PDB file of all heavy atoms in Angstrom:
ATOM      1  N   ARG A   1      69.317  31.937 -90.253  1.00  0.00           N
ATOM      2  CA  ARG A   1      69.024  33.046 -89.350  1.00  0.00           C
ATOM      3  C   ARG A   1      69.282  32.643 -87.905  1.00  0.00           C
ATOM      4  O   ARG A   1      68.770  33.258 -86.987  1.00  0.00           O
ATOM      5  CB  ARG A   1      67.577  33.515 -89.536  1.00  0.00           C
ATOM      6  CG  ARG A   1      67.316  34.148 -90.897  1.00  0.00           C
ATOM      7  CD  ARG A   1      65.935  34.772 -90.980  1.00  0.00           C
ATOM      8  NE  ARG A   1      64.888  33.750 -91.015  1.00  0.00           N
ATOM      9  CZ  ARG A   1      63.935  33.613 -90.098  1.00  0.00           C
ATOM     10  NH1 ARG A   1      63.921  34.413 -89.044  1.00  0.00           N
ATOM     11  NH2 ARG A   1      63.021  32.685 -90.212  1.00  0.00           N
ATOM     12  N   GLY A   2      70.075  31.580 -87.711  1.00  0.00           N
ATOM     13  CA  GLY A   2      70.414  31.146 -86.368  1.00  0.00           C
ATOM     14  C   GLY A   2      69.531  30.012 -85.879  1.00  0.00           C
ATOM     15  O   GLY A   2      68.501  29.692 -86.454  1.00  0.00           O
ATOM     16  N   LYS A   3      69.959  29.411 -84.770  1.00  0.00           N
ATOM     17  CA  LYS A   3      69.281  28.231 -84.256  1.00  0.00           C
ATOM     18  C   LYS A   3      67.877  28.530 -83.746  1.00  0.00           C
ATOM     19  O   LYS A   3      66.956  27.737 -83.926  1.00  0.00           O
ATOM     20  CB  LYS A   3      70.118  27.613 -83.139  1.00  0.00           C
ATOM     21  CG  LYS A   3      69.564  26.304 -82.615  1.00  0.00           C
ATOM     22  CD  LYS A   3      70.516  25.644 -81.640  1.00  0.00           C
ATOM     23  CE  LYS A   3      69.957  24.309 -81.152  1.00  0.00           C
ATOM     24  NZ  LYS A   3      70.894  23.637 -80.211  1.00  0.00           N
ATOM     25  N   ALA A   4      67.700  29.687 -83.095  1.00  0.00           N
ATOM     26  CA  ALA A   4      66.384  30.011 -82.533  1.00  0.00           C
ATOM     27  C   ALA A   4      65.335  30.126 -83.630  1.00  0.00           C
ATOM     28  O   ALA A   4      64.206  29.642 -83.489  1.00  0.00           O
ATOM     29  CB  ALA A   4      66.453  31.301 -81.724  1.00  0.00           C
ATOM     30  N   ALA A   5      65.697  30.773 -84.743  1.00  0.00           N
ATOM     31  CA  ALA A   5      64.748  30.928 -85.846  1.00  0.00           C
ATOM     32  C   ALA A   5      64.401  29.582 -86.460  1.00  0.00           C
ATOM     33  O   ALA A   5      63.244  29.326 -86.820  1.00  0.00           O
ATOM     34  CB  ALA A   5      65.324  31.859 -86.907  1.00  0.00           C
ATOM     35  N   ALA A   6      65.399  28.701 -86.580  1.00  0.00           N
ATOM     36  CA  ALA A   6      65.147  27.369 -87.130  1.00  0.00           C
ATOM     37  C   ALA A   6      64.240  26.562 -86.202  1.00  0.00           C
ATOM     38  O   ALA A   6      63.316  25.877 -86.656  1.00  0.00           O
ATOM     39  CB  ALA A   6      66.472  26.636 -87.350  1.00  0.00           C
ATOM     40  N   MET A   7      64.509  26.650 -84.896  1.00  0.00           N
ATOM     41  CA  MET A   7      63.694  25.906 -83.939  1.00  0.00           C
ATOM     42  C   MET A   7      62.257  26.421 -83.935  1.00  0.00           C
ATOM     43  O   MET A   7      61.303  25.639 -83.891  1.00  0.00           O
ATOM     44  CB  MET A   7      64.299  26.031 -82.540  1.00  0.00           C
ATOM     45  CG  MET A   7      63.669  25.133 -81.511  1.00  0.00           C
ATOM     46  SD  MET A   7      63.992  23.374 -81.839  1.00  0.00           S
ATOM     47  CE  MET A   7      65.740  23.294 -81.428  1.00  0.00           C
ATOM     48  N   GLN A   8      62.101  27.723 -83.993  1.00  0.00           N
ATOM     49  CA  GLN A   8      60.761  28.301 -83.999  1.00  0.00           C
ATOM     50  C   GLN A   8      59.969  27.812 -85.202  1.00  0.00           C
ATOM     51  O   GLN A   8      58.792  27.456 -85.082  1.00  0.00           O
ATOM     52  CB  GLN A   8      60.855  29.826 -84.017  1.00  0.00           C
ATOM     53  CG  GLN A   8      59.500  30.519 -83.965  1.00  0.00           C
ATOM     54  CD  GLN A   8      59.635  32.034 -84.000  1.00  0.00           C
ATOM     55  OE1 GLN A   8      60.675  32.581 -84.380  1.00  0.00           O
ATOM     56  NE2 GLN A   8      58.585  32.722 -83.581  1.00  0.00           N
ATOM     57  N   ARG A   9      60.600  27.764 -86.356  1.00  0.00           N
ATOM     58  CA  ARG A   9      59.880  27.313 -87.545  1.00  0.00           C
ATOM     59  C   ARG A   9      59.564  25.826 -87.457  1.00  0.00           C
ATOM     60  O   ARG A   9      58.473  25.386 -87.830  1.00  0.00           O
ATOM     61  CB  ARG A   9      60.697  27.596 -88.800  1.00  0.00           C
ATOM     62  CG  ARG A   9      59.900  27.291 -90.062  1.00  0.00           C
ATOM     63  CD  ARG A   9      60.635  27.616 -91.318  1.00  0.00           C
ATOM     64  NE  ARG A   9      59.779  27.345 -92.473  1.00  0.00           N
ATOM     65  CZ  ARG A   9      60.238  26.979 -93.664  1.00  0.00           C
ATOM     66  NH1 ARG A   9      61.540  26.859 -93.860  1.00  0.00           N
ATOM     67  NH2 ARG A   9      59.419  26.746 -94.651  1.00  0.00           N
ATOM     68  N   GLY A  10      60.515  25.034 -86.985  1.00  0.00           N
ATOM     69  CA  GLY A  10      60.266  23.607 -86.848  1.00  0.00           C
ATOM     70  C   GLY A  10      59.091  23.315 -85.930  1.00  0.00           C
ATOM     71  O   GLY A  10      58.256  22.454 -86.223  1.00  0.00           O
ATOM     72  N   ILE A  11      59.014  24.045 -84.814  1.00  0.00           N
ATOM     73  CA  ILE A  11      57.898  23.859 -83.876  1.00  0.00           C
ATOM     74  C   ILE A  11      56.588  24.275 -84.524  1.00  0.00           C
ATOM     75  O   ILE A  11      55.568  23.593 -84.396  1.00  0.00           O
ATOM     76  CB  ILE A  11      58.152  24.648 -82.588  1.00  0.00           C
ATOM     77  CG1 ILE A  11      59.307  24.021 -81.799  1.00  0.00           C
ATOM     78  CG2 ILE A  11      56.893  24.700 -81.716  1.00  0.00           C
ATOM     79  CD1 ILE A  11      59.779  24.853 -80.632  1.00  0.00           C
ATOM     80  N   ALA A  12      56.604  25.388 -85.243  1.00  0.00           N
ATOM     81  CA  ALA A  12      55.387  25.870 -85.893  1.00  0.00           C
ATOM     82  C   ALA A  12      54.862  24.866 -86.916  1.00  0.00           C
ATOM     83  O   ALA A  12      53.648  24.716 -87.096  1.00  0.00           O
ATOM     84  CB  ALA A  12      55.643  27.212 -86.564  1.00  0.00           C
ATOM     85  N   LEU A  13      55.755  24.147 -87.579  1.00  0.00           N
ATOM     86  CA  LEU A  13      55.361  23.185 -88.602  1.00  0.00           C
ATOM     87  C   LEU A  13      54.922  21.848 -88.019  1.00  0.00           C
ATOM     88  O   LEU A  13      54.290  21.041 -88.707  1.00  0.00           O
ATOM     89  CB  LEU A  13      56.531  22.939 -89.567  1.00  0.00           C
ATOM     90  CG  LEU A  13      56.893  24.095 -90.508  1.00  0.00           C
ATOM     91  CD1 LEU A  13      58.256  23.854 -91.135  1.00  0.00           C
ATOM     92  CD2 LEU A  13      55.840  24.256 -91.583  1.00  0.00           C
ATOM     93  N   SER A  14      55.255  21.599 -86.759  1.00  0.00           N
ATOM     94  CA  SER A  14      55.005  20.287 -86.157  1.00  0.00           C
ATOM     95  C   SER A  14      53.521  20.071 -85.866  1.00  0.00           C
ATOM     96  O   SER A  14      52.813  20.987 -85.465  1.00  0.00           O
ATOM     97  CB  SER A  14      55.806  20.141 -84.864  1.00  0.00           C
ATOM     98  OG  SER A  14      57.192  20.187 -85.125  1.00  0.00           O
ATOM     99  N   SER A  15      53.080  18.844 -86.067  1.00  0.00           N
ATOM    100  CA  SER A  15      51.677  18.504 -85.841  1.00  0.00           C
ATOM    101  C   SER A  15      51.505  17.296 -84.927  1.00  0.00           C
ATOM    102  O   SER A  15      50.389  16.900 -84.631  1.00  0.00           O
ATOM    103  CB  SER A  15      50.982  18.226 -87.183  1.00  0.00           C
ATOM    104  OG  SER A  15      51.638  17.179 -87.877  1.00  0.00           O
ATOM    105  N   GLY A  16      52.605  16.687 -84.495  1.00  0.00           N
ATOM    106  CA  GLY A  16      52.513  15.553 -83.574  1.00  0.00           C
ATOM    107  C   GLY A  16      52.254  16.012 -82.151  1.00  0.00           C
ATOM    108  O   GLY A  16      52.032  17.197 -81.881  1.00  0.00           O
ATOM    109  N   ASP A  17      52.274  15.089 -81.228  1.00  0.00           N
ATOM    110  CA  ASP A  17      51.979  15.389 -79.827  1.00  0.00           C
ATOM    111  C   ASP A  17      53.213  15.778 -79.026  1.00  0.00           C
ATOM    112  O   ASP A  17      53.103  16.398 -77.977  1.00  0.00           O
ATOM    113  CB  ASP A  17      51.338  14.170 -79.153  1.00  0.00           C
ATOM    114  CG  ASP A  17      50.017  13.792 -79.800  1.00  0.00           C
ATOM    115  OD1 ASP A  17      49.326  14.697 -80.294  1.00  0.00           O
ATOM    116  OD2 ASP A  17      49.685  12.590 -79.814  1.00  0.00           O
ATOM    117  N   ILE A  18      54.394  15.388 -79.499  1.00  0.00           N
ATOM    118  CA  ILE A  18      55.627  15.560 -78.730  1.00  0.00           C
ATOM    119  C   ILE A  18      56.708  16.159 -79.621  1.00  0.00           C
ATOM    120  O   ILE A  18      56.857  15.768 -80.779  1.00  0.00           O
ATOM    121  CB  ILE A  18      56.127  14.214 -78.165  1.00  0.00           C
ATOM    122  CG1 ILE A  18      55.036  13.545 -77.325  1.00  0.00           C
ATOM    123  CG2 ILE A  18      57.387  14.404 -77.332  1.00  0.00           C
ATOM    124  CD1 ILE A  18      55.363  12.107 -76.934  1.00  0.00           C
ATOM    125  N   ILE A  19      57.454  17.105 -79.052  1.00  0.00           N
ATOM    126  CA  ILE A  19      58.611  17.690 -79.726  1.00  0.00           C
ATOM    127  C   ILE A  19      59.877  17.109 -79.107  1.00  0.00           C
ATOM    128  O   ILE A  19      60.061  17.164 -77.885  1.00  0.00           O
ATOM    129  CB  ILE A  19      58.643  19.226 -79.559  1.00  0.00           C
ATOM    130  CG1 ILE A  19      57.448  19.877 -80.254  1.00  0.00           C
ATOM    131  CG2 ILE A  19      59.958  19.801 -80.074  1.00  0.00           C
ATOM    132  CD1 ILE A  19      57.552  19.955 -81.747  1.00  0.00           C
ATOM    133  N   PHE A  20      60.741  16.538 -79.935  1.00  0.00           N
ATOM    134  CA  PHE A  20      62.075  16.130 -79.512  1.00  0.00           C
ATOM    135  C   PHE A  20      63.079  17.042 -80.223  1.00  0.00           C
ATOM    136  O   PHE A  20      62.837  17.462 -81.353  1.00  0.00           O
ATOM    137  CB  PHE A  20      62.390  14.683 -79.917  1.00  0.00           C
ATOM    138  CG  PHE A  20      61.646  13.642 -79.151  1.00  0.00           C
ATOM    139  CD1 PHE A  20      60.358  13.263 -79.520  1.00  0.00           C
ATOM    140  CD2 PHE A  20      62.219  13.015 -78.062  1.00  0.00           C
ATOM    141  CE1 PHE A  20      59.660  12.290 -78.820  1.00  0.00           C
ATOM    142  CE2 PHE A  20      61.543  12.038 -77.353  1.00  0.00           C
ATOM    143  CZ  PHE A  20      60.258  11.677 -77.733  1.00  0.00           C
ATOM    144  N   THR A  21      64.182  17.349 -79.576  1.00  0.00           N
ATOM    145  CA  THR A  21      65.254  18.068 -80.258  1.00  0.00           C
ATOM    146  C   THR A  21      66.490  17.173 -80.301  1.00  0.00           C
ATOM    147  O   THR A  21      66.788  16.458 -79.336  1.00  0.00           O
ATOM    148  CB  THR A  21      65.586  19.397 -79.557  1.00  0.00           C
ATOM    149  OG1 THR A  21      66.085  19.135 -78.242  1.00  0.00           O
ATOM    150  CG2 THR A  21      64.343  20.276 -79.452  1.00  0.00           C
ATOM    151  N   LEU A  22      67.186  17.228 -81.419  1.00  0.00           N
ATOM    152  CA  LEU A  22      68.371  16.382 -81.608  1.00  0.00           C
ATOM    153  C   LEU A  22      69.359  17.127 -82.479  1.00  0.00           C
ATOM    154  O   LEU A  22      69.076  17.434 -83.637  1.00  0.00           O
ATOM    155  CB  LEU A  22      67.988  15.049 -82.257  1.00  0.00           C
ATOM    156  CG  LEU A  22      69.137  14.065 -82.513  1.00  0.00           C
ATOM    157  CD1 LEU A  22      69.783  13.627 -81.207  1.00  0.00           C
ATOM    158  CD2 LEU A  22      68.631  12.844 -83.289  1.00  0.00           C
ATOM    159  N   ASP A  23      70.512  17.462 -81.918  1.00  0.00           N
ATOM    160  CA  ASP A  23      71.545  18.141 -82.687  1.00  0.00           C
ATOM    161  C   ASP A  23      72.172  17.186 -83.690  1.00  0.00           C
ATOM    162  O   ASP A  23      72.159  15.965 -83.509  1.00  0.00           O
ATOM    163  CB  ASP A  23      72.617  18.709 -81.750  1.00  0.00           C
ATOM    164  CG  ASP A  23      72.095  19.870 -80.919  1.00  0.00           C
ATOM    165  OD1 ASP A  23      71.123  20.513 -81.361  1.00  0.00           O
ATOM    166  OD2 ASP A  23      72.660  20.132 -79.838  1.00  0.00           O
ATOM    167  N   ALA A  24      72.758  17.760 -84.721  1.00  0.00           N
ATOM    168  CA  ALA A  24      73.223  16.965 -85.860  1.00  0.00           C
ATOM    169  C   ALA A  24      74.302  15.955 -85.490  1.00  0.00           C
ATOM    170  O   ALA A  24      74.417  14.906 -86.130  1.00  0.00           O
ATOM    171  CB  ALA A  24      73.736  17.898 -86.963  1.00  0.00           C
ATOM    172  N   ASP A  25      75.121  16.249 -84.484  1.00  0.00           N
ATOM    173  CA  ASP A  25      76.210  15.336 -84.139  1.00  0.00           C
ATOM    174  C   ASP A  25      75.939  14.549 -82.855  1.00  0.00           C
ATOM    175  O   ASP A  25      76.849  13.969 -82.279  1.00  0.00           O
ATOM    176  CB  ASP A  25      77.541  16.092 -84.027  1.00  0.00           C
ATOM    177  CG  ASP A  25      77.400  17.392 -83.241  1.00  0.00           C
ATOM    178  OD1 ASP A  25      76.341  17.584 -82.615  1.00  0.00           O
ATOM    179  OD2 ASP A  25      78.339  18.203 -83.265  1.00  0.00           O
ATOM    180  N   ASP A  26      74.683  14.527 -82.400  1.00  0.00           N
ATOM    181  CA  ASP A  26      74.292  13.714 -81.249  1.00  0.00           C
ATOM    182  C   ASP A  26      73.372  12.591 -81.718  1.00  0.00           C
ATOM    183  O   ASP A  26      72.961  12.557 -82.876  1.00  0.00           O
ATOM    184  CB  ASP A  26      73.566  14.567 -80.201  1.00  0.00           C
ATOM    185  CG  ASP A  26      74.458  15.670 -79.632  1.00  0.00           C
ATOM    186  OD1 ASP A  26      75.691  15.545 -79.724  1.00  0.00           O
ATOM    187  OD2 ASP A  26      73.903  16.660 -79.125  1.00  0.00           O
ATOM    188  N   PHE A  27      73.036  11.679 -80.811  1.00  0.00           N
ATOM    189  CA  PHE A  27      72.092  10.619 -81.189  1.00  0.00           C
ATOM    190  C   PHE A  27      71.375  10.087 -79.960  1.00  0.00           C
ATOM    191  O   PHE A  27      71.823  10.274 -78.826  1.00  0.00           O
ATOM    192  CB  PHE A  27      72.782   9.490 -81.965  1.00  0.00           C
ATOM    193  CG  PHE A  27      73.959   8.845 -81.268  1.00  0.00           C
ATOM    194  CD1 PHE A  27      73.787   7.725 -80.479  1.00  0.00           C
ATOM    195  CD2 PHE A  27      75.245   9.343 -81.430  1.00  0.00           C
ATOM    196  CE1 PHE A  27      74.863   7.116 -79.850  1.00  0.00           C
ATOM    197  CE2 PHE A  27      76.327   8.748 -80.802  1.00  0.00           C
ATOM    198  CZ  PHE A  27      76.142   7.635 -80.017  1.00  0.00           C
ATOM    199  N   PHE A  28      70.226   9.450 -80.218  1.00  0.00           N
ATOM    200  CA  PHE A  28      69.427   8.840 -79.158  1.00  0.00           C
ATOM    201  C   PHE A  28      69.831   7.379 -78.990  1.00  0.00           C
ATOM    202  O   PHE A  28      70.176   6.698 -79.964  1.00  0.00           O
ATOM    203  CB  PHE A  28      67.932   8.884 -79.499  1.00  0.00           C
ATOM    204  CG  PHE A  28      67.332  10.264 -79.525  1.00  0.00           C
ATOM    205  CD1 PHE A  28      66.154  10.497 -80.232  1.00  0.00           C
ATOM    206  CD2 PHE A  28      67.911  11.313 -78.838  1.00  0.00           C
ATOM    207  CE1 PHE A  28      65.583  11.754 -80.256  1.00  0.00           C
ATOM    208  CE2 PHE A  28      67.348  12.578 -78.853  1.00  0.00           C
ATOM    209  CZ  PHE A  28      66.179  12.804 -79.569  1.00  0.00           C
ATOM    210  N   LEU A  29      69.721   6.895 -77.762  1.00  0.00           N
ATOM    211  CA  LEU A  29      69.924   5.484 -77.473  1.00  0.00           C
ATOM    212  C   LEU A  29      68.579   4.769 -77.495  1.00  0.00           C
ATOM    213  O   LEU A  29      67.527   5.407 -77.362  1.00  0.00           O
ATOM    214  CB  LEU A  29      70.589   5.324 -76.107  1.00  0.00           C
ATOM    215  CG  LEU A  29      72.017   5.878 -75.991  1.00  0.00           C
ATOM    216  CD1 LEU A  29      72.496   5.818 -74.542  1.00  0.00           C
ATOM    217  CD2 LEU A  29      72.973   5.119 -76.909  1.00  0.00           C
ATOM    218  N   PRO A  30      68.577   3.443 -77.659  1.00  0.00           N
ATOM    219  CA  PRO A  30      67.309   2.696 -77.668  1.00  0.00           C
ATOM    220  C   PRO A  30      66.512   2.955 -76.389  1.00  0.00           C
ATOM    221  O   PRO A  30      67.065   2.982 -75.285  1.00  0.00           O
ATOM    222  CB  PRO A  30      67.772   1.236 -77.748  1.00  0.00           C
ATOM    223  CG  PRO A  30      69.099   1.297 -78.431  1.00  0.00           C
ATOM    224  CD  PRO A  30      69.736   2.564 -77.938  1.00  0.00           C
ATOM    225  N   GLY A  31      65.220   3.174 -76.549  1.00  0.00           N
ATOM    226  CA  GLY A  31      64.350   3.425 -75.410  1.00  0.00           C
ATOM    227  C   GLY A  31      64.056   4.886 -75.165  1.00  0.00           C
ATOM    228  O   GLY A  31      63.168   5.214 -74.366  1.00  0.00           O
TER     229      GLY A  31
END
């Protein structure tokens, strides 16, 4: 149903203190 609907559900399901977003073809560096 599109990216916004997916993001909304992911946030609703989250229980940690911090939300990070990461697209499928990107990545985080150490730190």
